[in-house]
PDB file of N, CA and C in Angstrom:
ATOM      1  N   MET A   1       9.933  -2.250  11.419  1.00  0.00           N
ATOM      2  CA  MET A   1      10.878  -1.480  11.000  1.00  0.00           C
ATOM      3  C   MET A   1      11.911  -2.441  10.092  1.00  0.00           C
ATOM      4  N   VAL A   2      12.418  -1.576   8.929  1.00  0.00           N
ATOM      5  CA  VAL A   2      13.460  -2.167   8.109  1.00  0.00           C
ATOM      6  C   VAL A   2      14.713  -1.432   8.299  1.00  0.00           C
ATOM      7  N   ARG A   3      15.830  -2.214   8.527  1.00  0.00           N
ATOM      8  CA  ARG A   3      17.140  -1.513   8.650  1.00  0.00           C
ATOM      9  C   ARG A   3      17.667  -1.176   7.330  1.00  0.00           C
ATOM     10  N   LEU A   4      18.212  -0.069   6.997  1.00  0.00           N
ATOM     11  CA  LEU A   4      18.724   0.347   5.939  1.00  0.00           C
ATOM     12  C   LEU A   4      20.236   0.770   6.019  1.00  0.00           C
ATOM     13  N   SER A   5      21.048   0.220   5.483  1.00  0.00           N
ATOM     14  CA  SER A   5      22.494   0.542   5.471  1.00  0.00           C
ATOM     15  C   SER A   5      23.140   0.052   4.328  1.00  0.00           C
ATOM     16  N   ASN A   6      23.937   1.092   3.616  1.00  0.00           N
ATOM     17  CA  ASN A   6      24.543   0.714   2.429  1.00  0.00           C
ATOM     18  C   ASN A   6      25.704   1.713   2.204  1.00  0.00           C
ATOM     19  N   ALA A   7      26.328   1.686   1.089  1.00  0.00           N
ATOM     20  CA  ALA A   7      27.378   2.634   0.701  1.00  0.00           C
ATOM     21  C   ALA A   7      26.945   4.126   0.857  1.00  0.00           C
ATOM     22  N   ASN A   8      25.645   4.306   0.588  1.00  0.00           N
ATOM     23  CA  ASN A   8      25.125   5.692   0.725  1.00  0.00           C
ATOM     24  C   ASN A   8      24.816   6.218   1.995  1.00  0.00           C
ATOM     25  N   THR A   9      24.723   5.401   3.124  1.00  0.00           N
ATOM     26  CA  THR A   9      24.588   5.796   4.357  1.00  0.00           C
ATOM     27  C   THR A   9      25.763   6.279   5.139  1.00  0.00           C
ATOM     28  N   GLY A  10      26.908   6.084   4.555  1.00  0.00           N
ATOM     29  CA  GLY A  10      28.130   6.607   5.328  1.00  0.00           C
ATOM     30  C   GLY A  10      28.358   5.702   6.538  1.00  0.00           C
ATOM     31  N   GLY A  11      27.949   4.387   6.547  1.00  0.00           N
ATOM     32  CA  GLY A  11      28.348   3.711   7.713  1.00  0.00           C
ATOM     33  C   GLY A  11      27.089   3.742   8.780  1.00  0.00           C
ATOM     34  N   ALA A  12      26.219   4.640   8.687  1.00  0.00           N
ATOM     35  CA  ALA A  12      25.065   4.585   9.565  1.00  0.00           C
ATOM     36  C   ALA A  12      24.056   3.649   9.098  1.00  0.00           C
ATOM     37  N   THR A  13      23.171   3.265  10.111  1.00  0.00           N
ATOM     38  CA  THR A  13      22.057   2.467   9.701  1.00  0.00           C
ATOM     39  C   THR A  13      20.777   3.102  10.109  1.00  0.00           C
ATOM     40  N   GLY A  14      19.965   3.236   9.227  1.00  0.00           N
ATOM     41  CA  GLY A  14      18.643   3.866   9.334  1.00  0.00           C
ATOM     42  C   GLY A  14      17.489   2.934   9.711  1.00  0.00           C
ATOM     43  N   LEU A  15      16.622   3.257  10.479  1.00  0.00           N
ATOM     44  CA  LEU A  15      15.332   2.413  10.555  1.00  0.00           C
ATOM     45  C   LEU A  15      14.188   3.052   9.900  1.00  0.00           C
ATOM     46  N   CYS A  16      13.706   2.238   8.984  1.00  0.00           N
ATOM     47  CA  CYS A  16      12.569   2.871   8.214  1.00  0.00           C
ATOM     48  C   CYS A  16      11.321   1.910   8.433  1.00  0.00           C
ATOM     49  N   VAL A  17      10.204   2.602   8.271  1.00  0.00           N
ATOM     50  CA  VAL A  17       8.964   1.966   8.443  1.00  0.00           C
ATOM     51  C   VAL A  17       8.671   0.822   7.207  1.00  0.00           C
ATOM     52  N   ASN A  18       8.363  -0.104   7.543  1.00  0.00           N
ATOM     53  CA  ASN A  18       7.847  -1.063   6.418  1.00  0.00           C
ATOM     54  C   ASN A  18       6.705  -0.539   5.599  1.00  0.00           C
ATOM     55  N   VAL A  19       7.037  -0.542   4.109  1.00  0.00           N
ATOM     56  CA  VAL A  19       6.013  -0.060   3.489  1.00  0.00           C
ATOM     57  C   VAL A  19       4.653  -0.500   3.615  1.00  0.00           C
ATOM     58  N   HIS A  20       4.478  -1.858   3.742  1.00  0.00           N
ATOM     59  CA  HIS A  20       3.127  -2.368   4.131  1.00  0.00           C
ATOM     60  C   HIS A  20       2.438  -1.764   5.441  1.00  0.00           C
ATOM     61  N   ASP A  21       3.291  -1.667   6.455  1.00  0.00           N
ATOM     62  CA  ASP A  21       2.725  -1.004   7.691  1.00  0.00           C
ATOM     63  C   ASP A  21       2.289   0.433   7.326  1.00  0.00           C
ATOM     64  N   LEU A  22       3.068   1.092   6.667  1.00  0.00           N
ATOM     65  CA  LEU A  22       2.835   2.527   6.309  1.00  0.00           C
ATOM     66  C   LEU A  22       1.423   2.626   5.452  1.00  0.00           C
ATOM     67  N   ALA A  23       1.396   1.755   4.450  1.00  0.00           N
ATOM     68  CA  ALA A  23       0.033   1.608   3.808  1.00  0.00           C
ATOM     69  C   ALA A  23      -1.164   1.378   4.644  1.00  0.00           C
ATOM     70  N   LEU A  24      -0.965   0.394   5.629  1.00  0.00           N
ATOM     71  CA  LEU A  24      -2.023   0.031   6.262  1.00  0.00           C
ATOM     72  C   LEU A  24      -2.490   1.290   7.346  1.00  0.00           C
ATOM     73  N   TRP A  25      -1.415   1.988   7.904  1.00  0.00           N
ATOM     74  CA  TRP A  25      -1.638   3.103   8.653  1.00  0.00           C
ATOM     75  C   TRP A  25      -2.503   4.141   7.926  1.00  0.00           C
ATOM     76  N   LYS A  26      -2.150   4.471   6.669  1.00  0.00           N
ATOM     77  CA  LYS A  26      -2.797   5.223   5.732  1.00  0.00           C
ATOM     78  C   LYS A  26      -4.158   4.949   5.431  1.00  0.00           C
ATOM     79  N   TYR A  27      -4.335   3.577   5.231  1.00  0.00           N
ATOM     80  CA  TYR A  27      -5.765   2.997   5.093  1.00  0.00           C
ATOM     81  C   TYR A  27      -6.637   3.377   6.200  1.00  0.00           C
ATOM     82  N   ALA A  28      -5.999   3.055   7.441  1.00  0.00           N
ATOM     83  CA  ALA A  28      -6.799   3.407   8.645  1.00  0.00           C
ATOM     84  C   ALA A  28      -7.244   4.890   8.864  1.00  0.00           C
ATOM     85  N   ALA A  29      -6.319   5.699   8.397  1.00  0.00           N
ATOM     86  CA  ALA A  29      -6.512   7.167   8.701  1.00  0.00           C
ATOM     87  C   ALA A  29      -7.557   7.596   7.522  1.00  0.00           C
ATOM     88  N   GLY A  30      -7.487   7.131   6.340  1.00  0.00           N
ATOM     89  CA  GLY A  30      -8.618   7.314   5.375  1.00  0.00           C
ATOM     90  C   GLY A  30      -8.684   8.756   4.933  1.00  0.00           C
ATOM     91  N   ARG A  31      -7.648   9.516   5.109  1.00  0.00           N
ATOM     92  CA  ARG A  31      -7.771  10.826   4.460  1.00  0.00           C
ATOM     93  C   ARG A  31      -7.488  10.730   2.995  1.00  0.00           C
ATOM     94  N   GLU A  32      -7.942  11.707   2.266  1.00  0.00           N
ATOM     95  CA  GLU A  32      -7.942  11.677   0.857  1.00  0.00           C
ATOM     96  C   GLU A  32      -6.497  11.549   0.283  1.00  0.00           C
ATOM     97  N   LYS A  33      -5.485  12.302   0.938  1.00  0.00           N
ATOM     98  CA  LYS A  33      -4.192  12.413   0.634  1.00  0.00           C
ATOM     99  C   LYS A  33      -3.550  10.889   0.806  1.00  0.00           C
ATOM    100  N   ASP A  34      -3.986  10.254   1.848  1.00  0.00           N
ATOM    101  CA  ASP A  34      -3.615   8.877   2.076  1.00  0.00           C
ATOM    102  C   ASP A  34      -4.181   7.918   1.213  1.00  0.00           C
ATOM    103  N   ILE A  35      -5.390   8.081   0.823  1.00  0.00           N
ATOM    104  CA  ILE A  35      -6.166   7.195  -0.155  1.00  0.00           C
ATOM    105  C   ILE A  35      -5.372   7.392  -1.519  1.00  0.00           C
ATOM    106  N   ALA A  36      -5.092   8.536  -1.902  1.00  0.00           N
ATOM    107  CA  ALA A  36      -4.262   8.755  -3.062  1.00  0.00           C
ATOM    108  C   ALA A  36      -2.960   8.281  -3.134  1.00  0.00           C
ATOM    109  N   PHE A  37      -2.197   8.253  -2.063  1.00  0.00           N
ATOM    110  CA  PHE A  37      -0.950   7.654  -1.793  1.00  0.00           C
ATOM    111  C   PHE A  37      -0.804   6.155  -1.924  1.00  0.00           C
ATOM    112  N   ASN A  38      -1.967   5.600  -1.201  1.00  0.00           N
ATOM    113  CA  ASN A  38      -2.017   4.016  -1.357  1.00  0.00           C
ATOM    114  C   ASN A  38      -2.545   3.637  -2.798  1.00  0.00           C
ATOM    115  N   ARG A  39      -3.290   4.407  -3.440  1.00  0.00           N
ATOM    116  CA  ARG A  39      -3.576   3.969  -4.807  1.00  0.00           C
ATOM    117  C   ARG A  39      -2.261   3.922  -5.783  1.00  0.00           C
ATOM    118  N   GLU A  40      -1.384   4.895  -5.506  1.00  0.00           N
ATOM    119  CA  GLU A  40      -0.197   4.794  -6.252  1.00  0.00           C
ATOM    120  C   GLU A  40       0.873   3.766  -5.827  1.00  0.00           C
ATOM    121  N   LEU A  41       0.904   3.402  -4.479  1.00  0.00           N
ATOM    122  CA  LEU A  41       1.523   2.319  -4.142  1.00  0.00           C
ATOM    123  C   LEU A  41       1.141   1.020  -4.808  1.00  0.00           C
ATOM    124  N   ALA A  42      -0.244   0.686  -4.897  1.00  0.00           N
ATOM    125  CA  ALA A  42      -0.862  -0.325  -5.572  1.00  0.00           C
ATOM    126  C   ALA A  42      -0.512  -0.430  -7.120  1.00  0.00           C
ATOM    127  N   ARG A  43      -0.703   0.915  -7.622  1.00  0.00           N
ATOM    128  CA  ARG A  43      -0.446   0.897  -9.170  1.00  0.00           C
ATOM    129  C   ARG A  43       0.859   0.647  -9.562  1.00  0.00           C
ATOM    130  N   HIS A  44       1.864   1.003  -8.738  1.00  0.00           N
ATOM    131  CA  HIS A  44       3.225   0.845  -8.976  1.00  0.00           C
ATOM    132  C   HIS A  44       3.868  -0.503  -8.425  1.00  0.00           C
ATOM    133  N   ASP A  45       3.020  -1.375  -7.718  1.00  0.00           N
ATOM    134  CA  ASP A  45       3.328  -2.647  -7.380  1.00  0.00           C
ATOM    135  C   ASP A  45       4.437  -2.585  -6.298  1.00  0.00           C
ATOM    136  N   ILE A  46       4.391  -1.471  -5.395  1.00  0.00           N
ATOM    137  CA  ILE A  46       5.265  -1.277  -4.352  1.00  0.00           C
ATOM    138  C   ILE A  46       4.782  -2.139  -3.086  1.00  0.00           C
ATOM    139  N   VAL A  47       3.436  -2.424  -3.010  1.00  0.00           N
ATOM    140  CA  VAL A  47       2.827  -3.049  -1.914  1.00  0.00           C
ATOM    141  C   VAL A  47       2.126  -4.348  -2.565  1.00  0.00           C
ATOM    142  N   SER A  48       2.030  -5.422  -1.763  1.00  0.00           N
ATOM    143  CA  SER A  48       1.488  -6.601  -2.149  1.00  0.00           C
ATOM    144  C   SER A  48       0.001  -6.737  -1.480  1.00  0.00           C
ATOM    145  N   LYS A  49      -0.966  -7.011  -2.430  1.00  0.00           N
ATOM    146  CA  LYS A  49      -2.232  -7.194  -1.897  1.00  0.00           C
ATOM    147  C   LYS A  49      -2.305  -8.410  -0.849  1.00  0.00           C
ATOM    148  N   PRO A  50      -1.726  -9.558  -1.216  1.00  0.00           N
ATOM    149  CA  PRO A  50      -1.887 -10.557  -0.291  1.00  0.00           C
ATOM    150  C   PRO A  50      -1.171 -10.228   1.156  1.00  0.00           C
ATOM    151  N   THR A  51      -0.117  -9.574   1.073  1.00  0.00           N
ATOM    152  CA  THR A  51       0.533  -9.089   2.425  1.00  0.00           C
ATOM    153  C   THR A  51      -0.405  -8.159   3.123  1.00  0.00           C
ATOM    154  N   LEU A  52      -0.867  -7.189   2.483  1.00  0.00           N
ATOM    155  CA  LEU A  52      -1.709  -6.109   3.199  1.00  0.00           C
ATOM    156  C   LEU A  52      -2.963  -6.978   3.793  1.00  0.00           C
ATOM    157  N   THR A  53      -3.493  -7.647   2.926  1.00  0.00           N
ATOM    158  CA  THR A  53      -4.896  -8.446   3.636  1.00  0.00           C
ATOM    159  C   THR A  53      -4.409  -9.307   4.647  1.00  0.00           C
ATOM    160  N   ARG A  54      -3.237 -10.069   4.608  1.00  0.00           N
ATOM    161  CA  ARG A  54      -2.882 -10.857   5.661  1.00  0.00           C
ATOM    162  C   ARG A  54      -2.645 -10.147   6.976  1.00  0.00           C
ATOM    163  N   LEU A  55      -2.239  -8.790   6.925  1.00  0.00           N
ATOM    164  CA  LEU A  55      -1.914  -8.120   8.118  1.00  0.00           C
ATOM    165  C   LEU A  55      -2.972  -7.311   8.783  1.00  0.00           C
ATOM    166  N   VAL A  56      -4.138  -7.141   8.008  1.00  0.00           N
ATOM    167  CA  VAL A  56      -5.346  -6.315   8.514  1.00  0.00           C
ATOM    168  C   VAL A  56      -5.841  -6.959   9.844  1.00  0.00           C
ATOM    169  N   PRO A  57      -6.109  -8.287   9.873  1.00  0.00           N
ATOM    170  CA  PRO A  57      -6.706  -8.851  11.188  1.00  0.00           C
ATOM    171  C   PRO A  57      -5.845  -8.490  12.351  1.00  0.00           C
ATOM    172  N   SER A  58      -4.614  -8.292  12.308  1.00  0.00           N
ATOM    173  CA  SER A  58      -3.712  -8.148  13.511  1.00  0.00           C
ATOM    174  C   SER A  58      -3.763  -6.504  13.938  1.00  0.00           C
ATOM    175  N   MET A  59      -4.411  -5.832  13.197  1.00  0.00           N
ATOM    176  CA  MET A  59      -4.473  -4.373  13.439  1.00  0.00           C
ATOM    177  C   MET A  59      -5.415  -4.244  14.689  1.00  0.00           C
ATOM    178  N   PRO A  60      -5.056  -3.262  15.609  1.00  0.00           N
ATOM    179  CA  PRO A  60      -5.853  -3.055  16.829  1.00  0.00           C
ATOM    180  C   PRO A  60      -6.867  -2.216  16.467  1.00  0.00           C
ATOM    181  N   LEU A  61      -7.952  -2.614  15.649  1.00  0.00           N
ATOM    182  CA  LEU A  61      -9.112  -1.957  15.239  1.00  0.00           C
ATOM    183  C   LEU A  61     -10.432  -2.774  15.270  1.00  0.00           C
ATOM    184  N   ASP A  62     -11.513  -1.995  15.341  1.00  0.00           N
ATOM    185  CA  ASP A  62     -12.714  -2.918  15.346  1.00  0.00           C
ATOM    186  C   ASP A  62     -13.088  -3.448  14.098  1.00  0.00           C
ATOM    187  N   ASP A  63     -13.820  -4.598  14.149  1.00  0.00           N
ATOM    188  CA  ASP A  63     -14.150  -5.304  12.860  1.00  0.00           C
ATOM    189  C   ASP A  63     -14.739  -4.443  11.695  1.00  0.00           C
ATOM    190  N   GLU A  64     -15.515  -3.367  12.027  1.00  0.00           N
ATOM    191  CA  GLU A  64     -16.078  -2.590  10.963  1.00  0.00           C
ATOM    192  C   GLU A  64     -14.891  -1.796  10.203  1.00  0.00           C
ATOM    193  N   HIS A  65     -14.053  -1.386  11.021  1.00  0.00           N
ATOM    194  CA  HIS A  65     -12.861  -0.512  10.320  1.00  0.00           C
ATOM    195  C   HIS A  65     -12.014  -1.398   9.622  1.00  0.00           C
ATOM    196  N   LYS A  66     -11.712  -2.670  10.019  1.00  0.00           N
ATOM    197  CA  LYS A  66     -10.922  -3.604   9.288  1.00  0.00           C
ATOM    198  C   LYS A  66     -11.730  -3.897   8.026  1.00  0.00           C
ATOM    199  N   ARG A  67     -12.943  -4.051   8.105  1.00  0.00           N
ATOM    200  CA  ARG A  67     -13.714  -4.271   6.808  1.00  0.00           C
ATOM    201  C   ARG A  67     -13.580  -3.160   5.639  1.00  0.00           C
ATOM    202  N   LEU A  68     -13.592  -1.925   6.290  1.00  0.00           N
ATOM    203  CA  LEU A  68     -13.388  -0.834   5.466  1.00  0.00           C
ATOM    204  C   LEU A  68     -12.215  -0.784   4.841  1.00  0.00           C
ATOM    205  N   ILE A  69     -10.975  -1.011   5.771  1.00  0.00           N
ATOM    206  CA  ILE A  69      -9.564  -1.125   5.133  1.00  0.00           C
ATOM    207  C   ILE A  69      -9.620  -2.346   4.014  1.00  0.00           C
ATOM    208  N   LEU A  70     -10.283  -3.447   4.099  1.00  0.00           N
ATOM    209  CA  LEU A  70     -10.108  -4.452   3.316  1.00  0.00           C
ATOM    210  C   LEU A  70     -10.828  -3.995   1.918  1.00  0.00           C
ATOM    211  N   ALA A  71     -11.834  -3.369   2.047  1.00  0.00           N
ATOM    212  CA  ALA A  71     -12.590  -2.756   0.883  1.00  0.00           C
ATOM    213  C   ALA A  71     -11.773  -1.759   0.190  1.00  0.00           C
ATOM    214  N   ARG A  72     -10.932  -1.019   0.975  1.00  0.00           N
ATOM    215  CA  ARG A  72     -10.172  -0.027   0.275  1.00  0.00           C
ATOM    216  C   ARG A  72      -8.941  -0.621  -0.505  1.00  0.00           C
ATOM    217  N   ILE A  73      -8.376  -1.665   0.056  1.00  0.00           N
ATOM    218  CA  ILE A  73      -7.385  -2.476  -0.529  1.00  0.00           C
ATOM    219  C   ILE A  73      -7.896  -2.990  -1.747  1.00  0.00           C
ATOM    220  N   GLU A  74      -9.098  -3.728  -1.822  1.00  0.00           N
ATOM    221  CA  GLU A  74      -9.610  -4.378  -2.845  1.00  0.00           C
ATOM    222  C   GLU A  74      -9.894  -3.362  -4.053  1.00  0.00           C
ATOM    223  N   ALA A  75     -10.343  -2.105  -3.599  1.00  0.00           N
ATOM    224  CA  ALA A  75     -10.594  -1.026  -4.514  1.00  0.00           C
ATOM    225  C   ALA A  75      -9.360  -0.643  -5.432  1.00  0.00           C
ATOM    226  N   ASP A  76      -8.284  -0.513  -4.483  1.00  0.00           N
ATOM    227  CA  ASP A  76      -7.049   0.030  -5.148  1.00  0.00           C
ATOM    228  C   ASP A  76      -6.487  -0.887  -5.967  1.00  0.00           C
ATOM    229  N   PHE A  77      -6.441  -2.153  -5.690  1.00  0.00           N
ATOM    230  CA  PHE A  77      -5.937  -3.145  -6.556  1.00  0.00           C
ATOM    231  C   PHE A  77      -6.611  -3.282  -7.888  1.00  0.00           C
ATOM    232  N   ALA A  78      -7.970  -3.286  -7.679  1.00  0.00           N
ATOM    233  CA  ALA A  78      -8.769  -3.438  -8.822  1.00  0.00           C
ATOM    234  C   ALA A  78      -8.561  -2.333  -9.785  1.00  0.00           C
ATOM    235  N   ALA A  79      -8.488  -1.108  -9.226  1.00  0.00           N
ATOM    236  CA  ALA A  79      -8.266   0.067 -10.179  1.00  0.00           C
ATOM    237  C   ALA A  79      -6.764   0.028 -10.806  1.00  0.00           C
ATOM    238  N   ALA A  80      -5.847  -0.383  -9.990  1.00  0.00           N
ATOM    239  CA  ALA A  80      -4.525  -0.671 -10.573  1.00  0.00           C
ATOM    240  C   ALA A  80      -4.452  -1.699 -11.661  1.00  0.00           C
ATOM    241  N   THR A  81      -5.187  -2.739 -11.425  1.00  0.00           N
ATOM    242  CA  THR A  81      -5.244  -3.823 -12.653  1.00  0.00           C
ATOM    243  C   THR A  81      -5.821  -3.243 -13.775  1.00  0.00           C
ATOM    244  N   SER A  82      -7.068  -2.456 -13.693  1.00  0.00           N
ATOM    245  CA  SER A  82      -7.751  -1.886 -14.874  1.00  0.00           C
ATOM    246  C   SER A  82      -6.830  -0.853 -15.576  1.00  0.00           C
ATOM    247  N   ARG A  83      -5.983   0.001 -14.739  1.00  0.00           N
ATOM    248  CA  ARG A  83      -5.371   0.898 -15.487  1.00  0.00           C
ATOM    249  C   ARG A  83      -3.993   0.354 -16.172  1.00  0.00           C
ATOM    250  N   GLN A  84      -3.686  -1.020 -15.696  1.00  0.00           N
ATOM    251  CA  GLN A  84      -2.391  -1.691 -16.463  1.00  0.00           C
ATOM    252  C   GLN A  84      -2.890  -2.312 -17.571  1.00  0.00           C
ATOM    253  N   ASP A  85      -4.104  -2.544 -17.761  1.00  0.00           N
ATOM    254  CA  ASP A  85      -4.564  -3.253 -19.044  1.00  0.00           C
ATOM    255  C   ASP A  85      -4.056  -2.411 -20.369  1.00  0.00           C
ATOM    256  N   PRO A  86      -3.693  -3.178 -21.218  1.00  0.00           N
ATOM    257  CA  PRO A  86      -3.177  -2.509 -22.603  1.00  0.00           C
ATOM    258  C   PRO A  86      -4.316  -1.618 -23.144  1.00  0.00           C
ATOM    259  N   GLU A  87      -3.788  -0.496 -23.768  1.00  0.00           N
ATOM    260  CA  GLU A  87      -4.791   0.370 -24.466  1.00  0.00           C
ATOM    261  C   GLU A  87      -5.560  -0.317 -25.507  1.00  0.00           C
ATOM    262  N   PRO A  88      -6.723   0.004 -26.008  1.00  0.00           N
ATOM    263  CA  PRO A  88      -7.435  -0.718 -27.017  1.00  0.00           C
ATOM    264  C   PRO A  88      -6.616  -0.359 -28.412  1.00  0.00           C
ATOM    265  N   PRO A  89      -6.844  -1.183 -29.386  1.00  0.00           N
ATOM    266  CA  PRO A  89      -6.183  -1.060 -30.647  1.00  0.00           C
ATOM    267  C   PRO A  89      -6.513   0.332 -31.186  1.00  0.00           C
ATOM    268  N   GLY A  90      -5.567   0.940 -31.871  1.00  0.00           N
ATOM    269  CA  GLY A  90      -5.955   2.209 -32.530  1.00  0.00           C
ATOM    270  C   GLY A  90      -5.630   3.352 -31.638  1.00  0.00           C
ATOM    271  N   ARG A  91      -5.132   3.139 -30.474  1.00  0.00           N
ATOM    272  CA  ARG A  91      -4.887   4.222 -29.632  1.00  0.00           C
ATOM    273  C   ARG A  91      -3.221   4.283 -29.436  1.00  0.00           C
ATOM    274  N   SER A  92      -2.664   5.483 -29.348  1.00  0.00           N
ATOM    275  CA  SER A  92      -1.194   5.472 -29.129  1.00  0.00           C
ATOM    276  C   SER A  92      -0.863   6.713 -28.506  1.00  0.00           C
TER     277      SER A  92
END
């Protein structure tokens, strides 16, 4: 959990899920909406590939499910990298 308290919270402190934990839960669920959400997290550099891959081994899942999650992470970051490449010359 991440503590959130600033001028906009009116003196209250909120507890928020860490974005990397959220992404890993969504990778584990594997629903299409979760996959799309995680693709956008990767594309917008909201999550870190090294952090995600470092956390996967600690998840309470079997090895096959962990391999699937690692493959999904790899695919999302590969797709994010290819979309961030500059457009070919002559396109605007």
